[in-house]
Every structure is written in structure tokens, then in C-alpha cells.
Amino acid sequence: MTRPLNYQIEIEAPSERVWQQMLSDAGYRDWTSDFCEGSYFEGRWETGADMLFLGPGGQGMRARIEAAEHPNYVSIQHLGELREGKPNSGEDWTESFERYRLSETTPGQTRVAVELTGVPEQYIEMMDGMWPKALARLKAGCERD
């Protein structure tokens, strides 16, 4: 098993604003474009809900929301890859989790801490390159007036 990957950023906005920007349809499409231009999700950000995280052409991930505690925490369990909209059995993501903790460090300032576990080794360098850019884009979206 690979080491957990951790990323964080301080955002000049209350946690409710960050939560909305991060998980709304338009906000999600914006900040995740650093992972894949045209990224979107299908599903609900509710505990136990099934989710699809998709890009153009139907590639992406199947997942389940392990826990959602508005506006402070969300945990996503990845279930497997999708290729052309169909499950791809080539890689095992079942032990992979993506967890977000939002905490207001001072009134109006939120720390977003992201922890990824179970990421296949061959993706770690790519994640380390993309996550800081995506979080900077989330910050910019949250701090726009």
C-alpha cells in the first residue's frame, strides 16, 4: 500500500462558501479542470450516495460517499475506473479514499485539508503535480467577489 498523500490550502472565505464552491456543479467543474478539462460529477454529496466522476468521453471513476458532514467533511470511497462509461477492471481502486476536511482557522478563513489513501503508485507523481494547482484554482474561485 502506498503512503497517504496530503495537500492543504488556506482560503479567505468561510467554510460554507468553500463547501458550496467545491461541491456545486459549476464550482466543481471549475476547480477540477486541472485534473481533466470538462470534469463533472453525477450524484449527490450525501452519506451513502453513489457518485460518478466523469470527463469527456466517459472516462472517470465510480465512487460512494462514505460520509458527508456539511460544511466540514466529505469522504469519498473510490470503487473503480470507468472507460467509455463502462467499468474498467484493469486497476483496483477499492481501497482508495479521498477525504476533505474544512476548518475555519479564523472567522472568514478556511483551511482545506485533503488526504488521499490507496492511490496506485504509478499515479503519485501525477497527483503531486495536479493537486496544488487544483487547490489554487479552488482558492481563486472562493475568493472572487
C-alpha atoms as a PDB file:
ATOM      1  CA  MET A   1       0.000   0.000   0.000  1.00  0.00           C
ATOM      2  CA  THR A   2       1.242   3.464  -0.827  1.00  0.00           C
ATOM      3  CA  ARG A   3       1.710   6.286   1.637  1.00  0.00           C
ATOM      4  CA  PRO A   4      -1.186   8.708   2.174  1.00  0.00           C
ATOM      5  CA  LEU A   5      -0.990  11.852   0.058  1.00  0.00           C
ATOM      6  CA  ASN A   6      -1.812  15.114   1.845  1.00  0.00           C
ATOM      7  CA  TYR A   7      -2.480  18.559   0.414  1.00  0.00           C
ATOM      8  CA  GLN A   8      -3.863  21.706   2.002  1.00  0.00           C
ATOM      9  CA  ILE A   9      -4.571  25.344   1.337  1.00  0.00           C
ATOM     10  CA  GLU A  10      -5.789  28.379   3.288  1.00  0.00           C
ATOM     11  CA  ILE A  11      -8.729  30.186   1.700  1.00  0.00           C
ATOM     12  CA  GLU A  12     -10.006  33.660   2.621  1.00  0.00           C
ATOM     13  CA  ALA A  13     -13.656  32.597   2.783  1.00  0.00           C
ATOM     14  CA  PRO A  14     -15.940  30.954   5.355  1.00  0.00           C
ATOM     15  CA  SER A  15     -16.286  27.164   5.213  1.00  0.00           C
ATOM     16  CA  GLU A  16     -19.862  27.371   3.884  1.00  0.00           C
ATOM     17  CA  ARG A  17     -18.651  29.335   0.835  1.00  0.00           C
ATOM     18  CA  VAL A  18     -15.771  26.909   0.266  1.00  0.00           C
ATOM     19  CA  TRP A  19     -18.113  23.912   0.551  1.00  0.00           C
ATOM     20  CA  GLN A  20     -20.512  25.419  -1.998  1.00  0.00           C
ATOM     21  CA  GLN A  21     -17.726  26.313  -4.436  1.00  0.00           C
ATOM     22  CA  MET A  22     -16.071  22.936  -4.072  1.00  0.00           C
ATOM     23  CA  LEU A  23     -19.170  20.761  -4.447  1.00  0.00           C
ATOM     24  CA  SER A  24     -21.616  22.729  -6.600  1.00  0.00           C
ATOM     25  CA  ASP A  25     -21.846  21.731 -10.252  1.00  0.00           C
ATOM     26  CA  ALA A  26     -20.263  24.925 -11.635  1.00  0.00           C
ATOM     27  CA  GLY A  27     -17.653  25.210  -8.879  1.00  0.00           C
ATOM     28  CA  TYR A  28     -16.624  21.562  -9.193  1.00  0.00           C
ATOM     29  CA  ARG A  29     -16.280  21.857 -12.974  1.00  0.00           C
ATOM     30  CA  ASP A  30     -14.012  24.877 -12.491  1.00  0.00           C
ATOM     31  CA  TRP A  31     -11.565  23.700  -9.848  1.00  0.00           C
ATOM     32  CA  THR A  32     -11.258  20.116 -11.118  1.00  0.00           C
ATOM     33  CA  SER A  33     -10.378  21.222 -14.638  1.00  0.00           C
ATOM     34  CA  ASP A  34      -6.711  20.916 -13.622  1.00  0.00           C
ATOM     35  CA  PHE A  35      -7.263  17.155 -13.345  1.00  0.00           C
ATOM     36  CA  CYS A  36      -9.262  16.848 -16.561  1.00  0.00           C
ATOM     37  CA  GLU A  37     -10.765  19.651 -18.636  1.00  0.00           C
ATOM     38  CA  GLY A  38     -14.506  19.091 -18.741  1.00  0.00           C
ATOM     39  CA  SER A  39     -14.697  17.145 -15.434  1.00  0.00           C
ATOM     40  CA  TYR A  40     -18.105  16.803 -13.837  1.00  0.00           C
ATOM     41  CA  PHE A  41     -19.968  14.579 -11.398  1.00  0.00           C
ATOM     42  CA  GLU A  42     -23.279  12.744 -11.357  1.00  0.00           C
ATOM     43  CA  GLY A  43     -24.824  12.003  -7.981  1.00  0.00           C
ATOM     44  CA  ARG A  44     -25.422  13.633  -4.599  1.00  0.00           C
ATOM     45  CA  TRP A  45     -22.959  14.712  -1.925  1.00  0.00           C
ATOM     46  CA  GLU A  46     -24.788  12.711   0.768  1.00  0.00           C
ATOM     47  CA  THR A  47     -23.600   9.868   3.002  1.00  0.00           C
ATOM     48  CA  GLY A  48     -24.117   6.554   1.212  1.00  0.00           C
ATOM     49  CA  ALA A  49     -24.818   8.081  -2.209  1.00  0.00           C
ATOM     50  CA  ASP A  50     -23.282   6.604  -5.345  1.00  0.00           C
ATOM     51  CA  MET A  51     -21.292   9.045  -7.465  1.00  0.00           C
ATOM     52  CA  LEU A  52     -19.730   9.131 -10.897  1.00  0.00           C
ATOM     53  CA  PHE A  53     -16.772  11.447 -11.502  1.00  0.00           C
ATOM     54  CA  LEU A  54     -16.506  11.843 -15.252  1.00  0.00           C
ATOM     55  CA  GLY A  55     -14.647  13.561 -18.020  1.00  0.00           C
ATOM     56  CA  PRO A  56     -15.332  13.906 -21.736  1.00  0.00           C
ATOM     57  CA  GLY A  57     -15.651  10.542 -23.426  1.00  0.00           C
ATOM     58  CA  GLY A  58     -16.966   8.756 -20.336  1.00  0.00           C
ATOM     59  CA  GLN A  59     -13.659   8.145 -18.571  1.00  0.00           C
ATOM     60  CA  GLY A  60     -13.628   8.581 -14.811  1.00  0.00           C
ATOM     61  CA  MET A  61     -14.342   6.878 -11.504  1.00  0.00           C
ATOM     62  CA  ARG A  62     -17.234   5.167  -9.759  1.00  0.00           C
ATOM     63  CA  ALA A  63     -17.422   6.088  -6.096  1.00  0.00           C
ATOM     64  CA  ARG A  64     -19.575   6.165  -2.980  1.00  0.00           C
ATOM     65  CA  ILE A  65     -19.824   8.975  -0.459  1.00  0.00           C
ATOM     66  CA  GLU A  66     -18.603   7.318   2.722  1.00  0.00           C
ATOM     67  CA  ALA A  67     -19.531  10.370   4.809  1.00  0.00           C
ATOM     68  CA  ALA A  68     -20.725  13.923   4.193  1.00  0.00           C
ATOM     69  CA  GLU A  69     -20.918  16.370   7.097  1.00  0.00           C
ATOM     70  CA  HIS A  70     -21.926  19.743   5.664  1.00  0.00           C
ATOM     71  CA  PRO A  71     -19.867  22.055   5.597  1.00  0.00           C
ATOM     72  CA  ASN A  72     -16.854  20.420   7.270  1.00  0.00           C
ATOM     73  CA  TYR A  73     -16.081  16.971   5.933  1.00  0.00           C
ATOM     74  CA  VAL A  74     -16.604  14.662   2.984  1.00  0.00           C
ATOM     75  CA  SER A  75     -15.084  11.223   2.404  1.00  0.00           C
ATOM     76  CA  ILE A  76     -15.252   9.509  -0.973  1.00  0.00           C
ATOM     77  CA  GLN A  77     -14.544   5.802  -1.431  1.00  0.00           C
ATOM     78  CA  HIS A  78     -13.432   5.076  -4.969  1.00  0.00           C
ATOM     79  CA  LEU A  79     -14.864   1.853  -6.354  1.00  0.00           C
ATOM     80  CA  GLY A  80     -13.251   1.613  -9.764  1.00  0.00           C
ATOM     81  CA  GLU A  81     -12.309   3.204 -13.042  1.00  0.00           C
ATOM     82  CA  LEU A  82     -14.622   3.885 -15.948  1.00  0.00           C
ATOM     83  CA  ARG A  83     -13.533   3.805 -19.591  1.00  0.00           C
ATOM     84  CA  GLU A  84     -16.016   4.966 -22.232  1.00  0.00           C
ATOM     85  CA  GLY A  85     -18.662   4.924 -19.490  1.00  0.00           C
ATOM     86  CA  LYS A  86     -18.089   1.257 -18.584  1.00  0.00           C
ATOM     87  CA  PRO A  87     -16.252  -0.287 -15.602  1.00  0.00           C
ATOM     88  CA  ASN A  88     -12.573  -0.994 -16.261  1.00  0.00           C
ATOM     89  CA  SER A  89     -11.248  -3.930 -14.271  1.00  0.00           C
ATOM     90  CA  GLY A  90      -7.617  -3.071 -15.026  1.00  0.00           C
ATOM     91  CA  GLU A  91      -6.888  -1.283 -11.729  1.00  0.00           C
ATOM     92  CA  ASP A  92      -8.053  -1.829  -8.178  1.00  0.00           C
ATOM     93  CA  TRP A  93      -9.208   1.381  -6.516  1.00  0.00           C
ATOM     94  CA  THR A  94     -11.478  -0.236  -3.880  1.00  0.00           C
ATOM     95  CA  GLU A  95      -9.148   0.714  -1.019  1.00  0.00           C
ATOM     96  CA  SER A  96      -8.774   4.281  -2.267  1.00  0.00           C
ATOM     97  CA  PHE A  97     -10.307   7.148  -0.313  1.00  0.00           C
ATOM     98  CA  GLU A  98     -10.377  10.900  -0.921  1.00  0.00           C
ATOM     99  CA  ARG A  99     -11.150  12.905   2.229  1.00  0.00           C
ATOM    100  CA  TYR A 100     -11.702  16.646   2.598  1.00  0.00           C
ATOM    101  CA  ARG A 101     -11.658  18.469   5.936  1.00  0.00           C
ATOM    102  CA  LEU A 102     -12.737  22.104   6.000  1.00  0.00           C
ATOM    103  CA  SER A 103     -11.978  24.023   9.177  1.00  0.00           C
ATOM    104  CA  GLU A 104     -12.277  27.727   9.850  1.00  0.00           C
ATOM    105  CA  THR A 105      -8.925  28.770  11.276  1.00  0.00           C
ATOM    106  CA  THR A 106     -10.185  32.305  11.956  1.00  0.00           C
ATOM    107  CA  PRO A 107     -13.566  33.839  11.156  1.00  0.00           C
ATOM    108  CA  GLY A 108     -13.802  34.008   7.380  1.00  0.00           C
ATOM    109  CA  GLN A 109     -10.699  31.877   6.708  1.00  0.00           C
ATOM    110  CA  THR A 110     -10.898  28.170   5.930  1.00  0.00           C
ATOM    111  CA  ARG A 111      -8.207  25.521   5.743  1.00  0.00           C
ATOM    112  CA  VAL A 112      -8.954  22.778   3.226  1.00  0.00           C
ATOM    113  CA  ALA A 113      -7.006  19.608   4.003  1.00  0.00           C
ATOM    114  CA  VAL A 114      -7.145  16.751   1.504  1.00  0.00           C
ATOM    115  CA  GLU A 115      -5.992  13.214   2.242  1.00  0.00           C
ATOM    116  CA  LEU A 116      -5.777  10.528  -0.424  1.00  0.00           C
ATOM    117  CA  THR A 117      -5.165   6.923   0.557  1.00  0.00           C
ATOM    118  CA  GLY A 118      -4.757   3.815  -1.548  1.00  0.00           C
ATOM    119  CA  VAL A 119      -3.566   5.665  -4.654  1.00  0.00           C
ATOM    120  CA  PRO A 120      -1.754   3.269  -7.002  1.00  0.00           C
ATOM    121  CA  GLU A 121       1.989   4.015  -7.007  1.00  0.00           C
ATOM    122  CA  GLN A 122       2.096   4.966 -10.692  1.00  0.00           C
ATOM    123  CA  TYR A 123      -0.240   7.943 -10.060  1.00  0.00           C
ATOM    124  CA  ILE A 124       1.523   9.564  -7.089  1.00  0.00           C
ATOM    125  CA  GLU A 125       3.815  11.862  -9.083  1.00  0.00           C
ATOM    126  CA  MET A 126       0.882  12.974 -11.242  1.00  0.00           C
ATOM    127  CA  MET A 127      -1.241  13.684  -8.121  1.00  0.00           C
ATOM    128  CA  ASP A 128       1.585  15.678  -6.543  1.00  0.00           C
ATOM    129  CA  GLY A 129       1.695  17.827  -9.674  1.00  0.00           C
ATOM    130  CA  MET A 130      -2.053  18.344 -10.106  1.00  0.00           C
ATOM    131  CA  TRP A 131      -3.429  18.766  -6.568  1.00  0.00           C
ATOM    132  CA  PRO A 132      -1.646  22.028  -5.684  1.00  0.00           C
ATOM    133  CA  LYS A 133      -2.853  23.584  -8.965  1.00  0.00           C
ATOM    134  CA  ALA A 134      -6.431  22.401  -8.417  1.00  0.00           C
ATOM    135  CA  LEU A 135      -6.491  23.723  -4.840  1.00  0.00           C
ATOM    136  CA  ALA A 136      -5.106  27.081  -6.007  1.00  0.00           C
ATOM    137  CA  ARG A 137      -7.946  27.206  -8.538  1.00  0.00           C
ATOM    138  CA  LEU A 138     -10.466  26.379  -5.779  1.00  0.00           C
ATOM    139  CA  LYS A 139      -8.980  29.192  -3.660  1.00  0.00           C
ATOM    140  CA  ALA A 140      -9.276  31.668  -6.535  1.00  0.00           C
ATOM    141  CA  GLY A 141     -12.901  30.674  -7.130  1.00  0.00           C
ATOM    142  CA  CYS A 142     -13.781  31.048  -3.444  1.00  0.00           C
ATOM    143  CA  GLU A 143     -12.055  34.416  -3.044  1.00  0.00           C
ATOM    144  CA  ARG A 144     -13.627  36.056  -6.131  1.00  0.00           C
ATOM    145  CA  ASP A 145     -16.277  38.626  -5.249  1.00  0.00           C
END
